[in-house]
C-alpha atoms as a PDB file:
ATOM      1  CA  MET A   1      21.345  -5.318   8.209  1.00  0.00           C
ATOM      2  CA  ASN A   2      24.127  -2.499   8.446  1.00  0.00           C
ATOM      3  CA  ASN A   3      25.465  -2.235  12.022  1.00  0.00           C
ATOM      4  CA  PRO A   4      22.127  -3.794  13.737  1.00  0.00           C
ATOM      5  CA  ARG A   5      21.960  -2.851  17.585  1.00  0.00           C
ATOM      6  CA  GLY A   6      19.271  -2.744  20.095  1.00  0.00           C
ATOM      7  CA  VAL A   7      16.657  -5.847  20.288  1.00  0.00           C
ATOM      8  CA  THR A   8      13.927  -5.741  21.687  1.00  0.00           C
ATOM      9  CA  LEU A   9      10.507  -8.312  21.991  1.00  0.00           C
ATOM     10  CA  ASP A  10       7.061  -6.977  21.954  1.00  0.00           C
ATOM     11  CA  GLU A  11       4.162  -8.930  23.769  1.00  0.00           C
ATOM     12  CA  LYS A  12       3.301 -10.975  20.419  1.00  0.00           C
ATOM     13  CA  PHE A  13       7.083 -11.737  20.211  1.00  0.00           C
ATOM     14  CA  ASN A  14       7.638  -9.790  16.975  1.00  0.00           C
ATOM     15  CA  LEU A  15      11.442  -8.984  17.123  1.00  0.00           C
ATOM     16  CA  TRP A  16      12.335  -5.342  17.078  1.00  0.00           C
ATOM     17  CA  VAL A  17      16.323  -4.443  15.916  1.00  0.00           C
ATOM     18  CA  VAL A  18      17.840  -1.219  15.442  1.00  0.00           C
ATOM     19  CA  ASN A  19      19.764  -0.871  12.153  1.00  0.00           C
ATOM     20  CA  LYS A  20      22.106   1.856  13.058  1.00  0.00           C
ATOM     21  CA  GLY A  21      23.680   1.841   9.757  1.00  0.00           C
ATOM     22  CA  ASN A  22      20.721   2.123   7.747  1.00  0.00           C
ATOM     23  CA  ASN A  23      19.457   4.561  10.351  1.00  0.00           C
ATOM     24  CA  SER A  24      15.711   2.620  10.439  1.00  0.00           C
ATOM     25  CA  LEU A  25      14.106   0.192  12.898  1.00  0.00           C
ATOM     26  CA  VAL A  26      12.941  -3.260  11.562  1.00  0.00           C
ATOM     27  CA  GLN A  27      10.545  -5.685  12.711  1.00  0.00           C
ATOM     28  CA  PHE A  28      10.537  -9.436  12.134  1.00  0.00           C
ATOM     29  CA  ALA A  29       7.814 -11.859  12.994  1.00  0.00           C
ATOM     30  CA  PRO A  30       8.037 -14.837  15.415  1.00  0.00           C
ATOM     31  CA  ASP A  31       9.144 -17.064  12.645  1.00  0.00           C
ATOM     32  CA  GLY A  32      11.876 -14.618  11.647  1.00  0.00           C
ATOM     33  CA  THR A  33      10.442 -13.070   8.306  1.00  0.00           C
ATOM     34  CA  PHE A  34      10.347  -9.443   7.374  1.00  0.00           C
ATOM     35  CA  VAL A  35       7.827  -7.563   8.679  1.00  0.00           C
ATOM     36  CA  ARG A  36       8.458  -4.010   8.003  1.00  0.00           C
ATOM     37  CA  GLU A  37      11.689  -1.355   8.274  1.00  0.00           C
ATOM     38  CA  VAL A  38      10.381   2.371   9.581  1.00  0.00           C
ATOM     39  CA  GLY A  39      12.288   5.588  10.421  1.00  0.00           C
ATOM     40  CA  LYS A  40      14.565   5.651   7.122  1.00  0.00           C
ATOM     41  CA  GLY A  41      14.626   9.022   6.536  1.00  0.00           C
ATOM     42  CA  TYR A  42      13.671  10.225   9.589  1.00  0.00           C
ATOM     43  CA  LEU A  43      16.263   8.444  12.936  1.00  0.00           C
ATOM     44  CA  THR A  44      19.727  10.047  12.783  1.00  0.00           C
ATOM     45  CA  SER A  45      22.045   6.899  14.504  1.00  0.00           C
ATOM     46  CA  PRO A  46      19.232   5.001  16.138  1.00  0.00           C
ATOM     47  CA  SER A  47      20.967   3.164  19.437  1.00  0.00           C
ATOM     48  CA  ASP A  48      18.332   1.298  21.282  1.00  0.00           C
ATOM     49  CA  SER A  49      14.939   0.323  21.590  1.00  0.00           C
ATOM     50  CA  VAL A  50      12.528  -1.149  24.014  1.00  0.00           C
ATOM     51  CA  VAL A  51       8.867  -2.064  24.376  1.00  0.00           C
ATOM     52  CA  GLU A  52       6.524  -0.129  26.116  1.00  0.00           C
ATOM     53  CA  PHE A  53       4.247  -3.202  27.021  1.00  0.00           C
ATOM     54  CA  SER A  54       1.454  -1.458  28.396  1.00  0.00           C
ATOM     55  CA  THR A  55       0.570   0.427  25.162  1.00  0.00           C
ATOM     56  CA  ASP A  56       2.844  -2.178  22.477  1.00  0.00           C
ATOM     57  CA  ASN A  57       4.640   1.122  21.507  1.00  0.00           C
ATOM     58  CA  VAL A  58       8.356   0.864  20.344  1.00  0.00           C
ATOM     59  CA  CYS A  59      10.587   3.677  21.652  1.00  0.00           C
ATOM     60  CA  VAL A  60      13.934   3.925  19.785  1.00  0.00           C
ATOM     61  CA  GLY A  61      16.788   6.330  21.410  1.00  0.00           C
ATOM     62  CA  ASP A  62      17.559   8.877  18.594  1.00  0.00           C
ATOM     63  CA  THR A  63      20.852   9.943  19.118  1.00  0.00           C
ATOM     64  CA  LEU A  64      21.702  12.251  16.838  1.00  0.00           C
ATOM     65  CA  ASN A  65      18.811  14.072  16.746  1.00  0.00           C
ATOM     66  CA  LYS A  66      18.995  14.318  20.494  1.00  0.00           C
ATOM     67  CA  ARG A  67      15.076  12.346  21.178  1.00  0.00           C
ATOM     68  CA  VAL A  68      13.417   9.509  21.421  1.00  0.00           C
ATOM     69  CA  VAL A  69      10.962   8.388  19.113  1.00  0.00           C
ATOM     70  CA  PHE A  70       7.414   6.301  19.557  1.00  0.00           C
ATOM     71  CA  TYR A  71       6.245   4.249  16.945  1.00  0.00           C
ATOM     72  CA  ASN A  72       2.644   2.042  17.331  1.00  0.00           C
ATOM     73  CA  LYS A  73       2.845  -1.541  16.480  1.00  0.00           C
ATOM     74  CA  ASP A  74       1.794  -0.727  13.293  1.00  0.00           C
ATOM     75  CA  GLY A  75       4.850   1.422  12.833  1.00  0.00           C
ATOM     76  CA  SER A  76       3.631   4.861  12.435  1.00  0.00           C
ATOM     77  CA  ILE A  77       5.043   7.384  14.744  1.00  0.00           C
ATOM     78  CA  LYS A  78       3.115   7.869  18.217  1.00  0.00           C
ATOM     79  CA  LYS A  79       5.370  10.900  19.301  1.00  0.00           C
ATOM     80  CA  ASN A  80       8.773  12.521  19.703  1.00  0.00           C
ATOM     81  CA  SER A  81      10.361  13.372  23.352  1.00  0.00           C
END
């Protein structure tokens, strides 16, 4: 992790951490094991994250790109706004 920010839990207690220094979002399982890293090469200076519990999507503030990126629970990009 390089300058971690914005930590959130999804409904299955997976931990999602914004890894600002590596321009990514990192997912850990409830037992703390690494699951995946998404957004490298796509996010620029991400700032915070939140989970939409109705859809279980993870929303990330992508600061320098001036947008919010929505990820599906499998780590794929759902949409930008």
